[in-house]
Protein backbone atom coordinates (compact mmCIF):
# COMPACT_ATOMS: atom_id res chain seq x y z
CA MET A 1 -10.64 6.31 -6.33
CA THR A 2 -9.44 5.24 -3.14
CA THR A 3 -8.75 8.10 -0.99
CA ALA A 4 -6.50 8.49 1.98
CA ARG A 5 -8.85 7.68 4.73
CA GLU A 6 -10.06 4.96 2.67
CA VAL A 7 -6.25 3.42 3.23
CA LEU A 8 -6.26 4.46 6.94
CA ASP A 9 -9.71 2.55 7.64
CA ARG A 10 -8.65 -0.18 5.47
CA CYS A 11 -4.93 -0.80 7.82
CA ALA A 12 -7.21 -0.25 10.56
CA GLU A 13 -9.59 -3.40 9.23
CA LEU A 14 -6.34 -5.39 9.35
CA ASP A 15 -5.57 -4.77 13.06
CA ARG A 16 -8.61 -7.17 13.61
CA PHE A 17 -6.82 -9.80 12.55
CA THR A 18 -4.49 -10.43 15.53
CA ALA A 19 -3.64 -13.26 17.86
CA ASP A 20 -3.45 -11.71 20.48
CA PRO A 21 -6.36 -8.44 21.12
CA PRO A 22 -5.89 -5.89 21.83
CA ARG A 23 -2.47 -5.88 20.78
CA LEU A 24 -1.84 -7.01 16.98
CA GLU A 25 0.39 -9.72 16.60
CA ARG A 26 -0.28 -11.27 13.14
CA PHE A 27 2.53 -14.02 12.60
CA TYR A 28 3.79 -16.15 9.44
CA LEU A 29 1.01 -19.31 8.42
CA THR A 30 -1.48 -18.27 11.12
CA PRO A 31 -4.98 -18.20 10.95
CA GLU A 32 -4.38 -14.26 11.44
CA HIS A 33 -2.11 -14.41 7.78
CA ALA A 34 -5.05 -15.98 6.14
CA SER A 35 -7.80 -13.57 7.37
CA ALA A 36 -5.24 -10.73 6.53
CA ASN A 37 -4.65 -12.33 3.12
CA ALA A 38 -8.16 -12.85 2.25
CA VAL A 39 -9.53 -9.17 2.96
CA THR A 40 -6.39 -8.11 0.96
CA GLY A 41 -7.74 -10.03 -1.89
CA ARG A 42 -10.72 -8.91 -2.11
CA TRP A 43 -9.42 -5.33 -2.13
CA LEU A 44 -7.29 -6.49 -4.83
CA GLU A 45 -10.28 -7.96 -7.07
CA ARG A 46 -12.36 -4.18 -6.36
CA ALA A 47 -8.88 -2.91 -7.42
CA GLY A 48 -9.51 -4.94 -10.62
CA LEU A 49 -6.45 -7.30 -10.08
CA ARG A 50 -6.43 -11.16 -10.85
CA THR A 51 -6.14 -12.21 -7.36
CA TRP A 52 -3.89 -15.45 -6.44
CA GLN A 53 -1.96 -16.59 -3.01
CA ASP A 54 1.37 -18.17 -4.32
CA ALA A 55 3.04 -20.89 -3.20
CA ALA A 56 4.72 -18.76 -0.27
CA GLY A 57 1.73 -17.76 0.93
CA ASN A 58 2.44 -14.20 -0.23
CA GLN A 59 -1.12 -12.48 -1.73
CA CYS A 60 -1.10 -10.80 -5.20
CA GLY A 61 -3.11 -9.16 -8.01
CA ARG A 62 -2.44 -8.85 -11.05
CA ARG A 63 -3.36 -6.14 -14.27
CA GLU A 64 -2.25 -6.87 -17.71
CA GLY A 65 -0.40 -3.70 -19.49
CA VAL A 66 -1.28 -2.88 -22.94
CA THR A 67 -0.45 -6.54 -24.25
CA ASP A 68 -0.93 -9.47 -21.99
CA GLY A 69 2.52 -11.07 -20.89
CA LEU A 70 4.11 -8.35 -20.55
CA PRO A 71 7.01 -7.68 -17.67
CA ALA A 72 5.37 -6.53 -14.27
CA LEU A 73 5.64 -3.43 -12.10
CA LEU A 74 5.78 -4.98 -8.31
CA LEU A 75 4.35 -2.49 -5.95
CA GLY A 76 3.88 -3.79 -2.33
CA SER A 77 4.97 -4.52 0.97
CA HIS A 78 4.13 -6.69 3.86
CA ILE A 79 1.36 -7.79 6.12
CA ASP A 80 3.09 -9.32 8.78
CA THR A 81 3.84 -8.00 12.39
CA VAL A 82 5.91 -7.84 15.47
CA PRO A 83 4.91 -8.78 18.68
CA ASP A 84 2.63 -5.84 20.10
CA ALA A 85 3.27 -3.92 16.48
CA GLY A 86 1.57 -0.92 15.43
CA SER A 87 -0.94 -0.76 12.61
CA PHE A 88 1.22 0.64 9.84
CA ASP A 89 4.48 -1.07 9.54
CA GLY A 90 4.15 -2.63 6.45
CA MET A 91 0.45 -2.66 5.91
CA LEU A 92 0.06 1.14 4.91
CA GLY A 93 2.69 0.25 2.22
CA VAL A 94 0.26 -3.14 0.97
CA VAL A 95 -2.95 -0.77 0.77
CA MET A 96 -1.30 2.02 -0.97
CA ALA A 97 -0.23 -0.09 -3.48
CA ILE A 98 -3.78 -1.47 -3.91
CA ALA A 99 -4.79 2.18 -4.14
CA VAL A 100 -2.93 3.19 -6.72
CA ALA A 101 -3.50 0.13 -8.56
CA GLU A 102 -7.29 1.24 -8.65
CA ARG A 103 -6.34 4.75 -9.46
CA LEU A 104 -4.58 3.57 -12.40
CA ARG A 105 -7.70 1.18 -13.09
CA ASP A 106 -8.21 2.59 -16.54
CA ALA A 107 -3.91 3.70 -18.01
CA GLU A 108 -2.44 1.75 -20.10
CA LEU A 109 0.64 0.74 -19.03
CA PRO A 110 3.95 -0.98 -21.08
CA PHE A 111 3.93 -3.19 -18.40
CA ALA A 112 1.45 -5.28 -16.37
CA LEU A 113 0.79 -4.12 -12.80
CA GLU A 114 1.21 -6.39 -9.76
CA VAL A 115 0.82 -5.93 -6.03
CA ILE A 116 1.89 -8.16 -3.92
CA ALA A 117 1.23 -8.01 0.42
CA PHE A 118 4.60 -9.90 1.66
CA SER A 119 3.81 -13.25 4.09
CA ASP A 120 6.72 -12.62 6.43
CA GLU A 121 9.45 -9.58 6.64
CA GLU A 122 9.41 -9.51 10.24
CA GLY A 123 10.79 -13.12 10.95
CA SER A 124 8.69 -12.95 14.34
CA ARG A 125 7.48 -16.19 14.39
CA PHE A 126 10.36 -18.23 12.71
CA GLY A 127 13.31 -16.15 13.63
CA THR A 128 14.60 -15.60 9.75
CA ALA A 129 13.10 -12.65 8.59
CA LEU A 130 12.07 -11.65 4.78
CA LEU A 131 10.66 -15.25 4.04
CA GLY A 132 8.23 -14.16 1.84
CA SER A 133 10.16 -12.21 -0.48
CA GLN A 134 13.08 -14.48 -0.76
CA ALA A 135 10.75 -17.36 -1.92
CA ALA A 136 9.27 -14.27 -4.35
CA ALA A 137 12.88 -13.65 -5.32
CA GLY A 138 13.87 -16.96 -5.72
CA ILE A 139 15.96 -17.51 -2.42
CA TRP A 140 15.28 -20.09 -0.12
CA ASP A 141 17.43 -22.32 2.13
CA GLU A 142 16.28 -25.76 2.25
CA ALA A 143 17.34 -25.53 5.83
CA TRP A 144 14.85 -23.33 7.01
CA TRP A 145 12.58 -25.90 6.91
CA ASP A 146 13.62 -27.28 10.24
CA LEU A 147 13.25 -23.99 11.81
CA ARG A 148 10.57 -24.12 14.44
CA ASP A 149 8.70 -21.42 16.15
CA ARG A 150 8.00 -21.03 19.98
CA ASP A 151 5.39 -24.16 20.22
CA GLY A 152 7.61 -26.49 18.72
CA VAL A 153 6.17 -26.47 15.37
CA THR A 154 8.35 -26.22 12.10
CA LEU A 155 8.25 -24.23 9.39
CA HIS A 156 7.53 -27.37 6.92
CA GLN A 157 4.47 -28.01 9.39
CA ALA A 158 3.32 -24.78 9.67
CA PHE A 159 3.37 -24.56 5.22
CA GLY A 160 1.40 -28.31 5.52
CA ARG A 161 -1.13 -26.38 7.74
CA PHE A 162 -1.88 -23.33 5.97
CA GLY A 163 -2.78 -25.03 3.42
CA LEU A 164 1.21 -24.93 1.24
CA ASP A 165 2.99 -27.37 -0.48
CA PRO A 166 6.74 -27.36 0.66
CA ARG A 167 7.35 -29.05 -2.34
CA ARG A 168 5.95 -26.33 -4.58
CA VAL A 169 7.68 -23.29 -2.37
CA GLY A 170 9.85 -22.58 -5.93
CA GLU A 171 6.90 -21.34 -7.41
CA ALA A 172 6.93 -18.62 -6.21
CA ALA A 173 10.01 -17.02 -7.55
CA ARG A 174 9.90 -14.62 -10.01
CA ARG A 175 12.24 -14.38 -12.43
CA PRO A 176 14.26 -11.05 -13.32
CA GLU A 177 12.84 -11.45 -17.29
CA GLU A 178 9.06 -11.12 -15.37
CA LEU A 179 9.71 -7.72 -13.88
CA VAL A 180 10.42 -4.38 -14.87
CA GLY A 181 11.11 -3.36 -11.05
CA TYR A 182 9.82 -2.63 -7.63
CA LEU A 183 8.53 0.02 -5.69
CA GLU A 184 7.75 -0.19 -1.81
CA ALA A 185 5.84 2.52 0.27
CA HIS A 186 6.75 2.53 4.06
CA ILE A 187 7.09 4.88 6.88
CA GLU A 188 10.09 6.01 7.68
CA GLN A 189 10.55 4.39 11.19
CA GLY A 190 12.58 7.31 11.84
CA PRO A 191 12.62 10.86 13.23
CA MET A 192 14.13 12.50 10.15
CA LEU A 193 11.32 13.65 7.99
CA GLU A 194 9.31 14.81 10.85
CA ALA A 195 12.81 16.96 11.78
CA LEU A 196 12.44 18.34 8.46
CA GLY A 197 8.81 19.22 8.37
CA LYS A 198 8.38 17.08 5.22
CA SER A 199 5.44 14.48 4.59
CA LEU A 200 8.02 12.18 2.10
CA GLY A 201 11.51 11.28 1.30
CA TYR A 202 13.16 8.87 -1.24
CA VAL A 203 15.07 6.10 0.40
CA THR A 204 19.38 5.86 -1.68
CA THR A 205 19.91 2.53 0.08
CA ILE A 206 18.87 0.08 2.45
CA ALA A 207 21.44 -0.73 5.03
CA GLY A 208 23.66 -3.62 5.33
CA ALA A 209 23.60 -5.00 9.24
CA ARG A 210 25.91 -7.01 10.90
CA ARG A 211 24.96 -8.73 14.03
CA PHE A 212 27.82 -10.23 16.30
CA ARG A 213 27.86 -12.44 19.48
CA LEU A 214 30.65 -10.44 21.41
CA SER A 215 31.97 -12.28 24.74
CA VAL A 216 34.31 -10.99 27.25
CA ILE A 217 35.58 -13.47 29.77
CA GLY A 218 37.15 -13.04 32.72
CA GLU A 219 37.20 -14.93 35.97
CA ALA A 220 34.48 -15.59 38.28
CA ARG A 221 35.59 -15.44 42.04
CA HIS A 222 33.62 -14.50 45.70
CA ALA A 223 32.12 -11.17 45.34
CA GLY A 224 33.21 -10.08 48.98
CA GLY A 225 36.79 -11.93 48.99
CA THR A 226 38.45 -10.65 45.74
CA PRO A 227 39.92 -6.88 46.06
CA TYR A 228 39.93 -4.80 43.23
CA SER A 229 43.19 -5.48 41.96
CA ARG A 230 42.26 -9.36 41.64
CA ARG A 231 39.28 -9.37 39.94
CA ARG A 232 38.49 -9.91 36.30
CA ASP A 233 35.06 -8.78 35.75
CA ALA A 234 33.71 -9.59 32.67
CA LEU A 235 30.73 -7.76 33.17
CA VAL A 236 32.51 -4.66 33.56
CA GLY A 237 34.74 -5.30 31.08
CA ALA A 238 31.42 -5.69 28.65
CA SER A 239 30.14 -2.41 29.90
CA GLU A 240 33.65 -0.46 29.32
CA ALA A 241 32.79 -2.15 25.69
CA ILE A 242 28.86 -1.42 25.49
CA THR A 243 29.80 2.26 26.13
CA ALA A 244 33.03 2.47 23.64
CA ILE A 245 30.48 1.32 21.05
CA GLU A 246 27.92 3.44 21.36
CA ARG A 247 30.64 6.78 21.81
CA LEU A 248 32.08 5.07 18.57
CA ALA A 249 29.17 5.30 16.27
CA ARG A 250 27.57 8.65 17.53
CA ALA A 251 31.05 10.29 16.92
CA THR A 252 29.91 9.65 13.21
CA GLY A 253 26.60 11.92 13.44
CA GLU A 254 23.14 11.64 12.86
CA GLN A 255 24.01 10.27 9.16
CA GLY A 256 26.96 7.68 10.03
CA PRO A 257 27.07 3.97 11.17
CA ILE A 258 24.47 3.39 13.60
CA ALA A 259 25.00 0.14 16.49
CA THR A 260 23.08 -1.13 19.08
CA VAL A 261 23.40 -3.67 21.71
CA GLY A 262 19.97 -5.29 22.52
CA ARG A 263 21.08 -7.92 25.02
CA ILE A 264 23.23 -9.11 27.45
CA GLU A 265 23.54 -12.45 29.42
CA VAL A 266 26.34 -12.51 32.61
CA GLN A 267 27.79 -16.21 33.70
CA PRO A 268 27.21 -17.15 36.67
CA GLY A 269 25.26 -14.21 37.23
CA ALA A 270 24.60 -14.45 41.22
CA VAL A 271 24.18 -11.30 43.25
CA ASN A 272 27.36 -12.62 45.26
CA VAL A 273 29.82 -13.94 42.23
CA ILE A 274 32.12 -11.40 40.11
CA PRO A 275 30.69 -11.93 36.70
CA GLY A 276 33.25 -14.90 35.22
CA ARG A 277 31.55 -14.02 31.52
CA ALA A 278 29.36 -11.60 29.78
CA ASP A 279 27.85 -12.32 26.07
CA PHE A 280 25.81 -9.36 24.82
CA SER A 281 24.75 -8.75 21.04
CA LEU A 282 25.14 -6.21 18.37
CA ASP A 283 23.58 -4.81 15.98
CA LEU A 284 25.64 -2.69 13.27
CA ARG A 285 24.38 -0.54 10.25
CA ALA A 286 25.30 1.84 7.59
CA ALA A 287 24.51 3.25 4.34
CA THR A 288 26.96 1.48 2.95
CA ASP A 289 29.11 -1.42 3.58
CA ALA A 290 32.62 -0.17 3.31
CA GLU A 291 31.36 2.63 5.99
CA ARG A 292 30.11 -0.35 8.43
CA ASP A 293 32.83 -2.33 8.21
CA ALA A 294 35.55 -0.03 8.96
CA MET A 295 33.21 1.00 11.96
CA TRP A 296 33.55 -2.79 13.35
CA GLU A 297 37.34 -2.24 12.71
CA LEU A 298 37.67 0.57 14.77
CA MET A 299 35.23 -0.99 17.85
CA ARG A 300 37.20 -4.26 17.81
CA ALA A 301 40.60 -2.82 17.92
CA GLU A 302 38.96 -0.79 20.80
CA ILE A 303 37.63 -3.38 23.15
CA GLU A 304 40.13 -5.56 22.18
CA THR A 305 42.23 -2.65 24.14
CA LEU A 306 40.04 -2.31 26.52
CA CYS A 307 40.05 -6.13 27.43
CA ALA A 308 44.09 -6.47 27.60
CA ALA A 309 43.77 -3.63 29.91
CA ARG A 310 41.60 -5.85 31.98
CA GLN A 311 43.40 -8.94 31.51
CA LEU A 312 40.27 -10.35 29.86
CA ARG A 313 39.59 -12.36 26.76
CA PHE A 314 37.37 -10.97 23.85
CA GLU A 315 35.50 -13.48 21.59
CA VAL A 316 33.98 -12.86 18.39
CA THR A 317 30.86 -14.56 16.58
CA GLU A 318 29.06 -13.21 13.69
CA ALA A 319 25.99 -14.19 13.40
CA HIS A 320 24.63 -12.21 10.24
CA ASN A 321 25.63 -10.42 7.63
CA ALA A 322 23.67 -8.27 4.78
CA PRO A 323 25.06 -6.49 2.35
CA ALA A 324 23.58 -2.86 1.76
CA VAL A 325 21.00 -2.44 -0.59
CA PRO A 326 21.13 0.27 -3.29
CA CYS A 327 18.07 1.62 -4.63
CA ALA A 328 18.41 1.53 -8.39
CA THR A 329 19.33 5.40 -9.83
CA TRP A 330 16.37 5.36 -12.44
CA LEU A 331 14.00 4.49 -9.89
CA GLN A 332 14.88 6.86 -7.23
CA GLU A 333 14.21 9.55 -10.36
CA ALA A 334 10.92 7.93 -10.45
CA VAL A 335 10.07 8.51 -6.97
CA GLN A 336 11.71 11.79 -6.55
CA ALA A 337 9.42 13.34 -9.65
CA GLY A 338 6.74 11.13 -7.64
CA ILE A 339 7.08 13.70 -4.47
CA ARG A 340 7.81 16.84 -6.85
CA ALA A 341 4.13 16.16 -8.14
CA THR A 342 2.58 16.49 -4.64
CA GLY A 343 4.94 20.31 -4.92
CA ASP A 344 8.11 19.43 -3.00
CA ASP A 345 10.70 21.10 -5.31
CA ALA A 346 13.48 19.58 -3.91
CA PRO A 347 13.03 15.78 -1.97
CA THR A 348 14.96 14.61 0.27
CA GLY A 349 17.09 11.57 0.10
CA LEU A 350 17.21 8.95 2.97
CA TRP A 351 19.14 5.88 3.66
CA SER A 352 16.88 3.10 5.50
CA ARG A 353 18.37 2.18 8.41
CA ALA A 354 15.78 -0.82 8.84
CA GLY A 355 15.76 -3.57 6.56
CA HIS A 356 12.15 -3.85 4.12
CA ASP A 357 11.22 -6.64 1.72
CA ALA A 358 12.94 -4.43 -0.94
CA MET A 359 16.20 -5.90 -0.01
CA ALA A 360 15.51 -9.49 -0.93
CA ILE A 361 13.66 -8.44 -4.14
CA GLY A 362 16.39 -6.07 -4.91
CA ARG A 363 18.20 -9.89 -5.71
CA THR A 364 16.12 -10.52 -8.76
CA THR A 365 14.84 -6.85 -10.21
CA ASP A 366 15.56 -3.21 -9.88
CA ILE A 367 13.69 -1.38 -6.26
CA GLY A 368 12.56 2.06 -5.36
CA MET A 369 11.19 3.27 -2.22
CA LEU A 370 9.03 6.20 -0.94
CA PHE A 371 8.96 7.14 2.67
CA LEU A 372 6.36 8.55 4.60
CA ARG A 373 6.58 10.63 8.14
CA CYS A 374 5.62 8.73 10.92
CA ASP A 375 4.87 10.43 14.69
CA ASP A 376 7.54 11.20 16.33
CA GLY A 377 9.53 8.18 14.30
CA ILE A 378 8.17 5.64 16.59
CA SER A 379 7.31 1.79 15.02
CA HIS A 380 7.51 -1.22 15.67
CA HIS A 381 5.01 0.10 19.00
CA PRO A 382 1.06 0.70 19.12
CA ASP A 383 2.09 4.54 19.21
CA GLU A 384 2.56 4.27 15.31
CA GLY A 385 1.19 6.82 13.86
CA VAL A 386 0.59 8.83 10.22
CA THR A 387 -1.11 11.35 9.16
CA GLU A 388 -4.18 11.37 6.67
CA LEU A 389 -2.42 14.40 5.25
CA ASP A 390 0.70 12.66 4.75
CA VAL A 391 -0.93 9.50 3.28
CA ALA A 392 -2.91 11.58 0.48
CA GLN A 393 0.70 13.15 -0.39
CA GLY A 394 1.87 9.58 -0.39
CA LEU A 395 -0.64 8.27 -2.61
CA ASP A 396 -0.36 10.85 -5.14
CA ALA A 397 3.74 10.32 -5.14
CA LEU A 398 3.09 7.07 -5.83
CA GLU A 399 0.97 7.33 -8.38
CA ALA A 400 3.32 9.48 -10.21
CA ALA A 401 5.94 7.66 -9.73
CA VAL A 402 4.34 4.74 -11.55
CA LEU A 403 3.74 7.13 -14.44
CA GLU A 404 7.33 8.37 -14.20
CA VAL A 405 8.25 4.52 -14.89
CA ALA A 406 5.79 3.90 -17.03
CA ALA A 407 7.39 6.99 -19.03
CA ALA A 408 10.95 5.54 -18.56
CA VAL A 409 9.88 2.27 -19.67
CA GLY A 410 7.96 3.50 -23.09
CA ALA A 411 10.72 5.64 -24.00
CA SER A 412 13.39 2.49 -23.97
CA ARG A 413 10.85 0.40 -26.08
């Protein structure tokens, strides 16, 4: 039986496959991705699964149920990373899924059990996230073939260099009738479980995000020669807008919408010129689309008022709009049962502020997620950390959740 220590050792082994040592950087369709797929495939084989790499570069394994050809319960996460990554975002969930499949090697299940290591959750190479899981969900946009990485390589070219045939990417798609559901274990990437002193939690919904390019437009003039009464300073207006964004979001409390301004650009950008234009990003998320959209309308109205008071023009371009994806009630209940099996009689439900492969897979089957506590809530950083105790609890909970799903599926037939 694979232990928590072995799971952590396997995460460390995956750290070897990096393009920028000692930093961890493993992007889609790179030699490092190929190496990670190869070692993951070996672990899947040791767990007794038939293995293959699908048409989008996802590494997969399958063991049949009580009879061949049954729909599958899919377990997994991703093995790609952000630049200068930690060791557990995605990878922990993949290795835990393999460990649970090995634990259940001799179990007679009313479904096939599959494990998938998604190839591109982060979008670090081509700028579009969830490529691996969207292919598996049958969601593929032909326009993506023209995406380019920082070296000018197109996604289409990268497929060929990796040994994949772009014409066959549709073969990675799973049909709804082929799946029972999807379970994903993942570090929380936040501090809530740690604050509660809990190892595990279950996910209620994955936040839908809206992303905007916001522009405040004023007038560029001489920094010394223009008195304050004549200034239409776009950067000052943008600064007020950014402060208002944070104030409005913070006022809703810890469980309310969360807003982030991650980039700002100023024109003309000279030290002795009043900024005539400021463009900044806004990433807005909430547990429900209604909460998120209501917050956006509140923010937009306040920013328009602030800009009008300074004789500035405000423009909005929406760059991304993804709906929230709720976890299926019955799979939430299975994950809760798994957590209770570890001795926690009151499992904690959390909405995921981060996106996950489950968002894409949720387009084709029911999803459920198990969160594990991470040290200080840090993620997307080399200081990402988990404890062996929490991983042990997570393994027990995920195994018990699979058995709970088996009981539910068996009872429905």
